[in-house]
Amino acid sequence: MSGCPFSDSEGTSRPSVRWFNSDENVMEKCTLCNHLTAASDGVENGRDTADPEHAVPPCVHNCACRARYYGDLDDPNSGASQALAAAEKSGKKVYSLESGTATPATKYILSESTAAWRGMGEKTVTQAMD
């Protein structure tokens, strides 16, 4: 995945969604700008994008195609849950990557007319909804 065009809480741009933190000698990954969204309900305030109670990650807010959603998948009123429900209702398929015993929260909505789900080598790819 390409690098995040936004800065972290220290103002450092990241070259990728995963990077090596040489100060702590560990790999780090995208947190969906947790420093901005920690107090958020996940529902963006369109009039005040700096509202901490209604913040979404900058990659979601700035997505020109409105292809990214953010929210609590357990809350049927969140933008993410509503997008998944609308996709299922319209017949689009929703996928997620299996990761051992973990249950990934990231979902992928694909339109058969524009995309095809492909396997990832030896890794298992599952279809979450039909």
N, C-alpha and C. Protein backbone atom coordinates (compact mmCIF):
# COMPACT_ATOMS: atom_id res chain seq x y z
N MET A 1 0.85 -1.17 0.00
CA MET A 1 0.00 0.00 0.00
C MET A 1 0.90 1.23 0.00
N SER A 2 0.48 2.25 -0.69
CA SER A 2 1.31 3.45 -0.77
C SER A 2 1.35 4.17 0.56
N GLY A 3 2.28 5.09 0.66
CA GLY A 3 2.48 5.82 1.90
C GLY A 3 1.32 6.73 2.25
N CYS A 4 1.14 6.96 3.51
CA CYS A 4 0.11 7.86 4.00
C CYS A 4 0.55 9.29 3.72
N PRO A 5 -0.28 10.10 3.07
CA PRO A 5 0.11 11.47 2.77
C PRO A 5 -0.06 12.41 3.95
N PHE A 6 -0.50 11.89 5.08
CA PHE A 6 -0.76 12.72 6.24
C PHE A 6 0.30 12.49 7.30
N SER A 7 0.38 13.38 8.26
CA SER A 7 1.41 13.32 9.29
C SER A 7 0.89 12.67 10.56
N ASP A 8 1.82 12.11 11.34
CA ASP A 8 1.44 11.57 12.64
C ASP A 8 1.38 12.70 13.66
N SER A 9 1.18 12.36 14.92
CA SER A 9 1.03 13.38 15.96
C SER A 9 2.28 14.23 16.15
N GLU A 10 3.45 13.73 15.69
CA GLU A 10 4.68 14.51 15.78
C GLU A 10 4.96 15.29 14.49
N GLY A 11 4.07 15.19 13.50
CA GLY A 11 4.24 15.91 12.25
C GLY A 11 5.11 15.19 11.24
N THR A 12 5.37 13.90 11.46
CA THR A 12 6.21 13.12 10.56
C THR A 12 5.35 12.38 9.54
N SER A 13 5.64 12.57 8.26
CA SER A 13 4.95 11.80 7.23
C SER A 13 5.51 10.40 7.20
N ARG A 14 4.68 9.44 6.86
CA ARG A 14 5.09 8.04 6.84
C ARG A 14 5.24 7.58 5.39
N PRO A 15 6.29 6.79 5.09
CA PRO A 15 6.50 6.32 3.73
C PRO A 15 5.57 5.18 3.34
N SER A 16 4.90 4.59 4.30
CA SER A 16 4.07 3.43 4.05
C SER A 16 3.07 3.29 5.18
N VAL A 17 2.13 2.36 5.06
CA VAL A 17 1.22 2.10 6.16
C VAL A 17 1.90 1.26 7.24
N ARG A 18 3.08 0.76 6.93
CA ARG A 18 3.94 0.09 7.92
C ARG A 18 5.32 0.69 7.80
N TRP A 19 5.96 0.91 8.93
CA TRP A 19 7.30 1.49 8.91
C TRP A 19 8.09 1.03 10.13
N PHE A 20 9.39 1.17 10.01
CA PHE A 20 10.29 0.77 11.11
C PHE A 20 10.57 1.98 11.97
N ASN A 21 10.29 1.86 13.26
CA ASN A 21 10.58 2.91 14.23
C ASN A 21 11.96 2.62 14.80
N SER A 22 12.97 3.33 14.30
CA SER A 22 14.36 3.06 14.71
C SER A 22 14.63 3.49 16.15
N ASP A 23 13.85 4.44 16.69
CA ASP A 23 14.05 4.86 18.08
C ASP A 23 13.68 3.74 19.05
N GLU A 24 12.61 3.00 18.73
CA GLU A 24 12.16 1.93 19.61
C GLU A 24 12.49 0.55 19.07
N ASN A 25 13.09 0.49 17.86
CA ASN A 25 13.49 -0.75 17.23
C ASN A 25 12.31 -1.72 17.04
N VAL A 26 11.19 -1.17 16.55
CA VAL A 26 9.99 -1.97 16.31
C VAL A 26 9.32 -1.56 15.00
N MET A 27 8.53 -2.46 14.45
CA MET A 27 7.69 -2.13 13.30
C MET A 27 6.41 -1.51 13.82
N GLU A 28 5.94 -0.49 13.12
CA GLU A 28 4.68 0.14 13.47
C GLU A 28 3.78 0.11 12.25
N LYS A 29 2.49 0.31 12.46
CA LYS A 29 1.56 0.32 11.34
C LYS A 29 0.54 1.42 11.54
N CYS A 30 -0.20 1.67 10.49
CA CYS A 30 -1.23 2.70 10.51
C CYS A 30 -2.21 2.45 11.64
N THR A 31 -2.54 3.50 12.37
CA THR A 31 -3.52 3.40 13.46
C THR A 31 -4.82 4.12 13.10
N LEU A 32 -4.98 4.46 11.82
CA LEU A 32 -6.12 5.26 11.37
C LEU A 32 -6.18 6.56 12.16
N CYS A 33 -4.98 7.13 12.36
CA CYS A 33 -4.83 8.41 13.06
C CYS A 33 -5.53 8.40 14.42
N ASN A 34 -5.21 7.38 15.21
CA ASN A 34 -5.79 7.24 16.54
C ASN A 34 -5.64 8.51 17.36
N HIS A 35 -4.55 9.25 17.16
CA HIS A 35 -4.35 10.48 17.93
C HIS A 35 -5.41 11.53 17.59
N LEU A 36 -6.07 11.40 16.44
CA LEU A 36 -7.13 12.33 16.06
C LEU A 36 -8.52 11.77 16.35
N THR A 37 -8.67 10.47 16.35
CA THR A 37 -9.99 9.86 16.42
C THR A 37 -10.32 9.20 17.76
N ALA A 38 -9.40 9.24 18.72
CA ALA A 38 -9.60 8.53 19.99
C ALA A 38 -10.88 8.94 20.71
N ALA A 39 -11.25 10.20 20.66
CA ALA A 39 -12.45 10.67 21.36
C ALA A 39 -13.66 10.80 20.44
N SER A 40 -13.55 10.28 19.23
CA SER A 40 -14.59 10.46 18.22
C SER A 40 -15.65 9.37 18.27
N ASP A 41 -16.85 9.76 17.86
CA ASP A 41 -17.91 8.76 17.71
C ASP A 41 -17.91 8.17 16.30
N GLY A 42 -16.99 8.64 15.44
CA GLY A 42 -16.86 8.11 14.09
C GLY A 42 -17.79 8.71 13.07
N VAL A 43 -18.62 9.67 13.50
CA VAL A 43 -19.54 10.33 12.59
C VAL A 43 -19.00 11.74 12.34
N GLU A 44 -18.53 11.98 11.13
CA GLU A 44 -17.88 13.25 10.82
C GLU A 44 -18.84 14.43 10.87
N ASN A 45 -18.36 15.51 11.47
CA ASN A 45 -19.10 16.77 11.47
C ASN A 45 -18.68 17.52 10.21
N GLY A 46 -19.52 17.53 9.21
CA GLY A 46 -19.18 18.14 7.93
C GLY A 46 -18.91 19.63 8.00
N ARG A 47 -19.46 20.30 9.01
CA ARG A 47 -19.24 21.74 9.15
C ARG A 47 -17.93 22.05 9.87
N ASP A 48 -17.44 21.12 10.70
CA ASP A 48 -16.21 21.37 11.47
C ASP A 48 -15.38 20.10 11.47
N THR A 49 -14.49 19.97 10.49
CA THR A 49 -13.70 18.75 10.36
C THR A 49 -12.66 18.60 11.46
N ALA A 50 -12.44 19.64 12.26
CA ALA A 50 -11.49 19.55 13.37
C ALA A 50 -12.18 19.22 14.68
N ASP A 51 -13.47 18.91 14.64
CA ASP A 51 -14.24 18.58 15.83
C ASP A 51 -13.79 17.22 16.37
N PRO A 52 -13.12 17.19 17.55
CA PRO A 52 -12.57 15.91 18.05
C PRO A 52 -13.62 14.88 18.41
N GLU A 53 -14.85 15.31 18.69
CA GLU A 53 -15.90 14.35 19.03
C GLU A 53 -16.50 13.70 17.79
N HIS A 54 -16.19 14.26 16.62
CA HIS A 54 -16.74 13.73 15.37
C HIS A 54 -15.66 13.64 14.30
N ALA A 55 -14.48 13.22 14.68
CA ALA A 55 -13.35 13.15 13.74
C ALA A 55 -13.32 11.80 13.02
N VAL A 56 -12.85 11.83 11.79
CA VAL A 56 -12.55 10.61 11.04
C VAL A 56 -11.11 10.74 10.56
N PRO A 57 -10.44 9.63 10.23
CA PRO A 57 -9.07 9.73 9.74
C PRO A 57 -8.99 10.61 8.49
N PRO A 58 -7.91 11.37 8.33
CA PRO A 58 -7.77 12.23 7.15
C PRO A 58 -7.90 11.48 5.82
N CYS A 59 -7.45 10.22 5.76
CA CYS A 59 -7.56 9.47 4.51
C CYS A 59 -9.03 9.23 4.15
N VAL A 60 -9.90 9.12 5.15
CA VAL A 60 -11.33 8.95 4.91
C VAL A 60 -11.94 10.29 4.50
N HIS A 61 -11.63 11.33 5.26
CA HIS A 61 -12.18 12.66 4.97
C HIS A 61 -11.78 13.16 3.58
N ASN A 62 -10.53 12.93 3.20
CA ASN A 62 -10.00 13.49 1.96
C ASN A 62 -10.12 12.58 0.75
N CYS A 63 -10.72 11.41 0.88
CA CYS A 63 -10.84 10.50 -0.25
C CYS A 63 -11.78 11.10 -1.30
N ALA A 64 -11.20 11.46 -2.45
CA ALA A 64 -11.95 12.14 -3.50
C ALA A 64 -13.10 11.30 -4.04
N CYS A 65 -12.97 10.00 -4.01
CA CYS A 65 -14.01 9.12 -4.56
C CYS A 65 -15.03 8.69 -3.51
N ARG A 66 -14.83 9.12 -2.27
CA ARG A 66 -15.70 8.71 -1.16
C ARG A 66 -15.74 7.19 -1.05
N ALA A 67 -14.58 6.58 -1.25
CA ALA A 67 -14.49 5.12 -1.25
C ALA A 67 -14.09 4.55 0.11
N ARG A 68 -13.82 5.40 1.07
CA ARG A 68 -13.41 4.93 2.40
C ARG A 68 -14.48 5.31 3.42
N TYR A 69 -14.72 4.39 4.34
CA TYR A 69 -15.69 4.62 5.40
C TYR A 69 -15.02 4.31 6.72
N TYR A 70 -15.48 4.96 7.77
CA TYR A 70 -14.90 4.77 9.10
C TYR A 70 -16.03 4.74 10.09
N GLY A 71 -15.99 3.81 11.01
CA GLY A 71 -17.01 3.77 12.04
C GLY A 71 -17.05 2.42 12.72
N ASP A 72 -17.93 2.32 13.69
CA ASP A 72 -18.10 1.12 14.49
C ASP A 72 -18.98 0.13 13.72
N LEU A 73 -18.41 -1.02 13.37
CA LEU A 73 -19.18 -2.01 12.61
C LEU A 73 -20.29 -2.64 13.44
N ASP A 74 -20.22 -2.48 14.77
CA ASP A 74 -21.29 -2.99 15.64
C ASP A 74 -22.43 -2.00 15.81
N ASP A 75 -22.26 -0.78 15.30
CA ASP A 75 -23.29 0.26 15.38
C ASP A 75 -23.97 0.36 14.02
N PRO A 76 -25.22 -0.04 13.92
CA PRO A 76 -25.89 -0.02 12.61
C PRO A 76 -26.07 1.38 12.04
N ASN A 77 -25.87 2.42 12.84
CA ASN A 77 -26.01 3.79 12.36
C ASN A 77 -24.70 4.40 11.88
N SER A 78 -23.58 3.69 12.04
CA SER A 78 -22.30 4.25 11.59
C SER A 78 -22.20 4.21 10.07
N GLY A 79 -21.41 5.11 9.52
CA GLY A 79 -21.23 5.17 8.07
C GLY A 79 -20.70 3.86 7.51
N ALA A 80 -19.79 3.23 8.24
CA ALA A 80 -19.21 1.97 7.78
C ALA A 80 -20.27 0.87 7.74
N SER A 81 -21.06 0.76 8.80
CA SER A 81 -22.11 -0.27 8.83
C SER A 81 -23.15 -0.03 7.75
N GLN A 82 -23.52 1.23 7.54
CA GLN A 82 -24.51 1.55 6.53
C GLN A 82 -23.99 1.25 5.12
N ALA A 83 -22.70 1.51 4.88
CA ALA A 83 -22.11 1.20 3.57
C ALA A 83 -22.10 -0.30 3.32
N LEU A 84 -21.77 -1.09 4.35
CA LEU A 84 -21.77 -2.55 4.20
C LEU A 84 -23.19 -3.07 3.95
N ALA A 85 -24.15 -2.53 4.69
CA ALA A 85 -25.55 -2.96 4.51
C ALA A 85 -26.06 -2.60 3.11
N ALA A 86 -25.71 -1.40 2.64
CA ALA A 86 -26.14 -0.98 1.30
C ALA A 86 -25.49 -1.85 0.22
N ALA A 87 -24.23 -2.21 0.43
CA ALA A 87 -23.54 -3.08 -0.52
C ALA A 87 -24.20 -4.44 -0.59
N GLU A 88 -24.50 -4.99 0.57
CA GLU A 88 -25.16 -6.30 0.61
C GLU A 88 -26.53 -6.24 -0.06
N LYS A 89 -27.28 -5.18 0.21
CA LYS A 89 -28.62 -5.03 -0.37
C LYS A 89 -28.56 -4.91 -1.89
N SER A 90 -27.52 -4.25 -2.41
CA SER A 90 -27.42 -4.06 -3.86
C SER A 90 -26.73 -5.23 -4.56
N GLY A 91 -26.34 -6.24 -3.81
CA GLY A 91 -25.75 -7.42 -4.42
C GLY A 91 -24.23 -7.39 -4.56
N LYS A 92 -23.59 -6.34 -4.05
CA LYS A 92 -22.13 -6.30 -4.11
C LYS A 92 -21.57 -7.24 -3.05
N LYS A 93 -20.41 -7.78 -3.31
CA LYS A 93 -19.80 -8.72 -2.39
C LYS A 93 -18.85 -7.99 -1.45
N VAL A 94 -18.84 -8.42 -0.20
CA VAL A 94 -17.98 -7.84 0.83
C VAL A 94 -17.00 -8.90 1.27
N TYR A 95 -15.72 -8.55 1.26
CA TYR A 95 -14.65 -9.50 1.59
C TYR A 95 -13.83 -9.02 2.77
N SER A 96 -13.13 -9.96 3.39
CA SER A 96 -12.13 -9.62 4.40
C SER A 96 -11.01 -10.66 4.30
N LEU A 97 -9.85 -10.27 4.76
CA LEU A 97 -8.71 -11.19 4.76
C LEU A 97 -8.68 -11.97 6.06
N GLU A 98 -8.49 -13.27 5.97
CA GLU A 98 -8.31 -14.06 7.18
C GLU A 98 -6.89 -13.88 7.66
N SER A 99 -6.72 -13.85 8.95
CA SER A 99 -5.40 -13.64 9.52
C SER A 99 -5.21 -14.57 10.71
N GLY A 100 -5.02 -15.85 10.45
CA GLY A 100 -4.85 -16.81 11.54
C GLY A 100 -6.10 -16.87 12.39
N THR A 101 -5.94 -16.61 13.69
CA THR A 101 -7.09 -16.64 14.59
C THR A 101 -7.71 -15.27 14.78
N ALA A 102 -7.10 -14.23 14.19
CA ALA A 102 -7.65 -12.88 14.31
C ALA A 102 -8.84 -12.69 13.39
N THR A 103 -9.69 -11.77 13.76
CA THR A 103 -10.84 -11.42 12.92
C THR A 103 -10.64 -9.98 12.47
N PRO A 104 -10.17 -9.77 11.25
CA PRO A 104 -9.92 -8.41 10.78
C PRO A 104 -11.19 -7.58 10.71
N ALA A 105 -11.07 -6.31 11.06
CA ALA A 105 -12.21 -5.40 10.99
C ALA A 105 -12.29 -4.71 9.63
N THR A 106 -11.23 -4.76 8.86
CA THR A 106 -11.24 -4.12 7.54
C THR A 106 -12.03 -4.96 6.57
N LYS A 107 -12.96 -4.32 5.89
CA LYS A 107 -13.80 -4.99 4.90
C LYS A 107 -13.57 -4.34 3.55
N TYR A 108 -13.74 -5.10 2.48
CA TYR A 108 -13.56 -4.63 1.12
C TYR A 108 -14.84 -4.87 0.34
N ILE A 109 -15.43 -3.80 -0.19
CA ILE A 109 -16.64 -3.90 -1.00
C ILE A 109 -16.20 -3.80 -2.45
N LEU A 110 -16.49 -4.83 -3.22
CA LEU A 110 -16.08 -4.84 -4.61
C LEU A 110 -17.29 -4.92 -5.53
N SER A 111 -17.23 -4.16 -6.58
CA SER A 111 -18.24 -4.25 -7.63
C SER A 111 -17.69 -5.19 -8.69
N GLU A 112 -18.46 -6.19 -9.06
CA GLU A 112 -18.03 -7.16 -10.06
C GLU A 112 -17.67 -6.49 -11.39
N SER A 113 -18.27 -5.33 -11.66
CA SER A 113 -18.01 -4.66 -12.94
C SER A 113 -16.68 -3.92 -12.96
N THR A 114 -16.11 -3.65 -11.78
CA THR A 114 -14.86 -2.89 -11.75
C THR A 114 -13.71 -3.60 -11.06
N ALA A 115 -13.98 -4.68 -10.35
CA ALA A 115 -12.90 -5.32 -9.59
C ALA A 115 -13.17 -6.81 -9.43
N ALA A 116 -12.10 -7.54 -9.23
CA ALA A 116 -12.19 -8.97 -8.93
C ALA A 116 -11.31 -9.26 -7.73
N TRP A 117 -11.83 -10.07 -6.82
CA TRP A 117 -11.07 -10.44 -5.63
C TRP A 117 -10.07 -11.52 -6.01
N ARG A 118 -8.83 -11.32 -5.67
CA ARG A 118 -7.79 -12.29 -5.99
C ARG A 118 -7.15 -12.80 -4.71
N GLY A 119 -6.73 -14.05 -4.75
CA GLY A 119 -6.06 -14.63 -3.60
C GLY A 119 -4.72 -13.97 -3.34
N MET A 120 -4.17 -14.26 -2.20
CA MET A 120 -2.89 -13.67 -1.82
C MET A 120 -1.87 -14.78 -1.63
N GLY A 121 -1.49 -15.44 -2.73
CA GLY A 121 -0.52 -16.52 -2.64
C GLY A 121 -1.07 -17.68 -1.84
N GLU A 122 -0.37 -18.06 -0.79
CA GLU A 122 -0.81 -19.17 0.05
C GLU A 122 -1.85 -18.75 1.09
N LYS A 123 -2.06 -17.45 1.26
CA LYS A 123 -3.00 -16.98 2.26
C LYS A 123 -4.42 -17.22 1.80
N THR A 124 -5.30 -17.45 2.77
CA THR A 124 -6.69 -17.70 2.49
C THR A 124 -7.43 -16.38 2.37
N VAL A 125 -8.26 -16.27 1.37
CA VAL A 125 -9.10 -15.11 1.19
C VAL A 125 -10.53 -15.60 1.28
N THR A 126 -11.34 -14.95 2.09
CA THR A 126 -12.71 -15.41 2.26
C THR A 126 -13.69 -14.35 1.79
N GLN A 127 -14.85 -14.81 1.39
CA GLN A 127 -15.93 -13.93 1.03
C GLN A 127 -16.80 -13.80 2.27
N ALA A 128 -16.94 -12.58 2.79
CA ALA A 128 -17.66 -12.39 4.04
C ALA A 128 -19.17 -12.45 3.88
N MET A 129 -19.68 -11.95 2.77
CA MET A 129 -21.13 -11.97 2.53
C MET A 129 -21.39 -12.34 1.08
N ASP A 130 -22.50 -13.01 0.84
CA ASP A 130 -22.92 -13.31 -0.53
C ASP A 130 -24.03 -12.38 -0.95
